[in-house]
Amino acid sequence: MVQAQLWLGRGSVGDVARMERKLQEQKASNALAQQANEQLAAEVRDLQEGLDMVEEKARSELGMVKPDEVLVQIVK
């Protein structure tokens, strides 16, 4: 009876091996998803920083202001 459980039942050698394969596949899938998430997060950071840089250049070089702001230029 013990041998039958070991080879055929729930938690058998084959069942455990199948679950280990599924676990490894899931870990690989998770790693790929994590890489994709990190890449997207880096792109978002780049876009945010890029917009900040564009705004800074527009303010300093073109004198652009936001609504309800007053631009005061001091010339030396």
N, C-alpha and C. Protein backbone atom coordinates (compact mmCIF):
# COMPACT_ATOMS: atom_id res chain seq x y z
N MET A 1 0.82 -1.19 0.00
CA MET A 1 0.00 0.00 0.00
C MET A 1 0.86 1.27 0.00
N VAL A 2 1.94 1.21 0.79
CA VAL A 2 2.85 2.36 0.84
C VAL A 2 3.51 2.57 -0.52
N GLN A 3 3.89 1.48 -1.16
CA GLN A 3 4.51 1.58 -2.49
C GLN A 3 3.55 2.19 -3.50
N ALA A 4 2.28 1.82 -3.44
CA ALA A 4 1.29 2.37 -4.37
C ALA A 4 1.16 3.86 -4.16
N GLN A 5 1.13 4.32 -2.91
CA GLN A 5 1.04 5.76 -2.62
C GLN A 5 2.29 6.48 -3.13
N LEU A 6 3.44 5.86 -2.94
CA LEU A 6 4.70 6.47 -3.35
C LEU A 6 4.77 6.65 -4.87
N TRP A 7 4.26 5.70 -5.64
CA TRP A 7 4.39 5.74 -7.09
C TRP A 7 3.17 6.29 -7.81
N LEU A 8 1.98 6.19 -7.21
CA LEU A 8 0.76 6.55 -7.94
C LEU A 8 -0.07 7.65 -7.29
N GLY A 9 -0.02 7.82 -6.02
CA GLY A 9 -0.91 8.73 -5.32
C GLY A 9 -0.46 10.18 -5.36
N ARG A 10 -1.23 10.98 -4.63
CA ARG A 10 -0.91 12.39 -4.51
C ARG A 10 0.41 12.52 -3.74
N GLY A 11 1.31 13.33 -4.24
CA GLY A 11 2.62 13.46 -3.63
C GLY A 11 3.57 12.37 -4.05
N SER A 12 3.22 11.63 -5.11
CA SER A 12 4.08 10.55 -5.60
C SER A 12 5.32 11.14 -6.25
N VAL A 13 6.25 10.29 -6.56
CA VAL A 13 7.50 10.71 -7.18
C VAL A 13 7.22 11.45 -8.49
N GLY A 14 6.38 10.91 -9.31
CA GLY A 14 6.06 11.56 -10.59
C GLY A 14 5.33 12.88 -10.39
N ASP A 15 4.43 12.91 -9.43
CA ASP A 15 3.67 14.13 -9.13
C ASP A 15 4.61 15.24 -8.65
N VAL A 16 5.52 14.90 -7.79
CA VAL A 16 6.48 15.88 -7.28
C VAL A 16 7.38 16.38 -8.41
N ALA A 17 7.83 15.49 -9.27
CA ALA A 17 8.68 15.89 -10.40
C ALA A 17 7.92 16.83 -11.33
N ARG A 18 6.65 16.53 -11.58
CA ARG A 18 5.83 17.38 -12.45
C ARG A 18 5.66 18.76 -11.82
N MET A 19 5.41 18.80 -10.52
CA MET A 19 5.25 20.08 -9.83
C MET A 19 6.55 20.88 -9.82
N GLU A 20 7.68 20.20 -9.69
CA GLU A 20 8.98 20.90 -9.73
C GLU A 20 9.23 21.51 -11.10
N ARG A 21 8.85 20.78 -12.17
CA ARG A 21 8.99 21.34 -13.53
C ARG A 21 8.12 22.57 -13.69
N LYS A 22 6.88 22.48 -13.20
CA LYS A 22 5.97 23.63 -13.29
C LYS A 22 6.51 24.81 -12.49
N LEU A 23 7.11 24.53 -11.34
CA LEU A 23 7.68 25.57 -10.52
C LEU A 23 8.83 26.27 -11.25
N GLN A 24 9.70 25.50 -11.88
CA GLN A 24 10.81 26.09 -12.63
C GLN A 24 10.31 26.92 -13.81
N GLU A 25 9.28 26.43 -14.51
CA GLU A 25 8.70 27.19 -15.61
C GLU A 25 8.11 28.50 -15.11
N GLN A 26 7.43 28.45 -13.96
CA GLN A 26 6.83 29.66 -13.40
C GLN A 26 7.90 30.65 -12.96
N LYS A 27 8.99 30.14 -12.38
CA LYS A 27 10.09 31.02 -11.98
C LYS A 27 10.70 31.70 -13.20
N ALA A 28 10.86 30.97 -14.30
CA ALA A 28 11.40 31.56 -15.53
C ALA A 28 10.44 32.62 -16.07
N SER A 29 9.16 32.32 -16.04
CA SER A 29 8.15 33.28 -16.50
C SER A 29 8.17 34.53 -15.62
N ASN A 30 8.28 34.35 -14.33
CA ASN A 30 8.34 35.48 -13.40
C ASN A 30 9.58 36.34 -13.65
N ALA A 31 10.71 35.69 -13.94
CA ALA A 31 11.94 36.44 -14.21
C ALA A 31 11.78 37.29 -15.46
N LEU A 32 11.16 36.73 -16.51
CA LEU A 32 10.93 37.50 -17.73
C LEU A 32 9.99 38.68 -17.47
N ALA A 33 8.95 38.44 -16.69
CA ALA A 33 8.01 39.52 -16.36
C ALA A 33 8.70 40.60 -15.53
N GLN A 34 9.57 40.20 -14.62
CA GLN A 34 10.30 41.16 -13.80
C GLN A 34 11.21 42.02 -14.67
N GLN A 35 11.88 41.42 -15.64
CA GLN A 35 12.73 42.18 -16.56
C GLN A 35 11.91 43.18 -17.35
N ALA A 36 10.76 42.74 -17.84
CA ALA A 36 9.89 43.63 -18.60
C ALA A 36 9.41 44.79 -17.72
N ASN A 37 9.07 44.50 -16.48
CA ASN A 37 8.63 45.56 -15.56
C ASN A 37 9.74 46.55 -15.29
N GLU A 38 10.95 46.06 -15.08
CA GLU A 38 12.08 46.96 -14.84
C GLU A 38 12.37 47.82 -16.05
N GLN A 39 12.25 47.25 -17.24
CA GLN A 39 12.48 48.01 -18.46
C GLN A 39 11.42 49.11 -18.62
N LEU A 40 10.17 48.77 -18.35
CA LEU A 40 9.10 49.77 -18.43
C LEU A 40 9.29 50.87 -17.38
N ALA A 41 9.70 50.50 -16.19
CA ALA A 41 9.93 51.49 -15.14
C ALA A 41 11.07 52.43 -15.54
N ALA A 42 12.12 51.90 -16.17
CA ALA A 42 13.22 52.73 -16.64
C ALA A 42 12.75 53.69 -17.73
N GLU A 43 11.90 53.21 -18.62
CA GLU A 43 11.37 54.08 -19.68
C GLU A 43 10.52 55.19 -19.08
N VAL A 44 9.71 54.87 -18.08
CA VAL A 44 8.88 55.89 -17.42
C VAL A 44 9.77 56.94 -16.77
N ARG A 45 10.83 56.50 -16.06
CA ARG A 45 11.76 57.45 -15.43
C ARG A 45 12.41 58.35 -16.48
N ASP A 46 12.84 57.75 -17.60
CA ASP A 46 13.46 58.53 -18.66
C ASP A 46 12.50 59.58 -19.22
N LEU A 47 11.25 59.17 -19.42
CA LEU A 47 10.27 60.11 -19.95
C LEU A 47 9.99 61.24 -18.95
N GLN A 48 9.89 60.91 -17.68
CA GLN A 48 9.65 61.93 -16.67
C GLN A 48 10.81 62.89 -16.59
N GLU A 49 12.03 62.38 -16.57
CA GLU A 49 13.20 63.23 -16.51
C GLU A 49 13.34 64.04 -17.79
N GLY A 50 13.00 63.43 -18.92
CA GLY A 50 13.08 64.14 -20.19
C GLY A 50 12.13 65.32 -20.22
N LEU A 51 10.92 65.14 -19.69
CA LEU A 51 9.95 66.24 -19.65
C LEU A 51 10.42 67.33 -18.71
N ASP A 52 11.03 66.97 -17.62
CA ASP A 52 11.57 67.97 -16.70
C ASP A 52 12.67 68.78 -17.38
N MET A 53 13.52 68.10 -18.15
CA MET A 53 14.60 68.79 -18.84
C MET A 53 14.04 69.72 -19.92
N VAL A 54 13.02 69.28 -20.63
CA VAL A 54 12.41 70.12 -21.66
C VAL A 54 11.80 71.36 -21.01
N GLU A 55 11.11 71.18 -19.90
CA GLU A 55 10.50 72.32 -19.21
C GLU A 55 11.57 73.29 -18.73
N GLU A 56 12.67 72.77 -18.19
CA GLU A 56 13.74 73.63 -17.70
C GLU A 56 14.35 74.45 -18.83
N LYS A 57 14.58 73.80 -19.97
CA LYS A 57 15.14 74.52 -21.13
C LYS A 57 14.16 75.58 -21.63
N ALA A 58 12.86 75.23 -21.70
CA ALA A 58 11.87 76.20 -22.16
C ALA A 58 11.81 77.40 -21.23
N ARG A 59 11.93 77.17 -19.95
CA ARG A 59 11.89 78.27 -18.99
C ARG A 59 13.14 79.14 -19.11
N SER A 60 14.31 78.51 -19.16
CA SER A 60 15.56 79.29 -19.14
C SER A 60 15.87 79.93 -20.49
N GLU A 61 15.67 79.21 -21.58
CA GLU A 61 16.07 79.73 -22.89
C GLU A 61 14.98 80.53 -23.59
N LEU A 62 13.72 80.16 -23.36
CA LEU A 62 12.62 80.83 -24.07
C LEU A 62 11.79 81.73 -23.17
N GLY A 63 12.07 81.70 -21.88
CA GLY A 63 11.33 82.55 -20.96
C GLY A 63 9.88 82.14 -20.78
N MET A 64 9.57 80.90 -21.01
CA MET A 64 8.19 80.43 -20.87
C MET A 64 7.82 80.32 -19.40
N VAL A 65 6.55 80.60 -19.10
CA VAL A 65 6.05 80.53 -17.73
C VAL A 65 4.76 79.73 -17.71
N LYS A 66 4.44 79.22 -16.54
CA LYS A 66 3.18 78.53 -16.34
C LYS A 66 2.09 79.56 -16.09
N PRO A 67 0.83 79.17 -16.27
CA PRO A 67 -0.24 80.11 -15.94
C PRO A 67 -0.14 80.56 -14.48
N ASP A 68 -0.46 81.79 -14.22
CA ASP A 68 -0.42 82.40 -12.88
C ASP A 68 0.99 82.53 -12.33
N GLU A 69 2.01 82.52 -13.19
CA GLU A 69 3.38 82.78 -12.77
C GLU A 69 3.80 84.13 -13.33
N VAL A 70 4.76 84.74 -12.68
CA VAL A 70 5.32 86.00 -13.15
C VAL A 70 6.80 85.77 -13.40
N LEU A 71 7.28 86.15 -14.56
CA LEU A 71 8.68 85.99 -14.91
C LEU A 71 9.40 87.28 -14.61
N VAL A 72 10.44 87.18 -13.82
CA VAL A 72 11.28 88.35 -13.49
C VAL A 72 12.68 88.02 -13.96
N GLN A 73 13.18 88.80 -14.91
CA GLN A 73 14.53 88.58 -15.41
C GLN A 73 15.45 89.64 -14.82
N ILE A 74 16.57 89.20 -14.33
CA ILE A 74 17.56 90.12 -13.79
C ILE A 74 18.75 90.09 -14.72
N VAL A 75 19.08 91.23 -15.30
CA VAL A 75 20.19 91.32 -16.25
C VAL A 75 21.36 91.97 -15.53
N LYS A 76 22.49 91.33 -15.63
CA LYS A 76 23.69 91.88 -14.96
C LYS A 76 24.55 92.61 -15.95
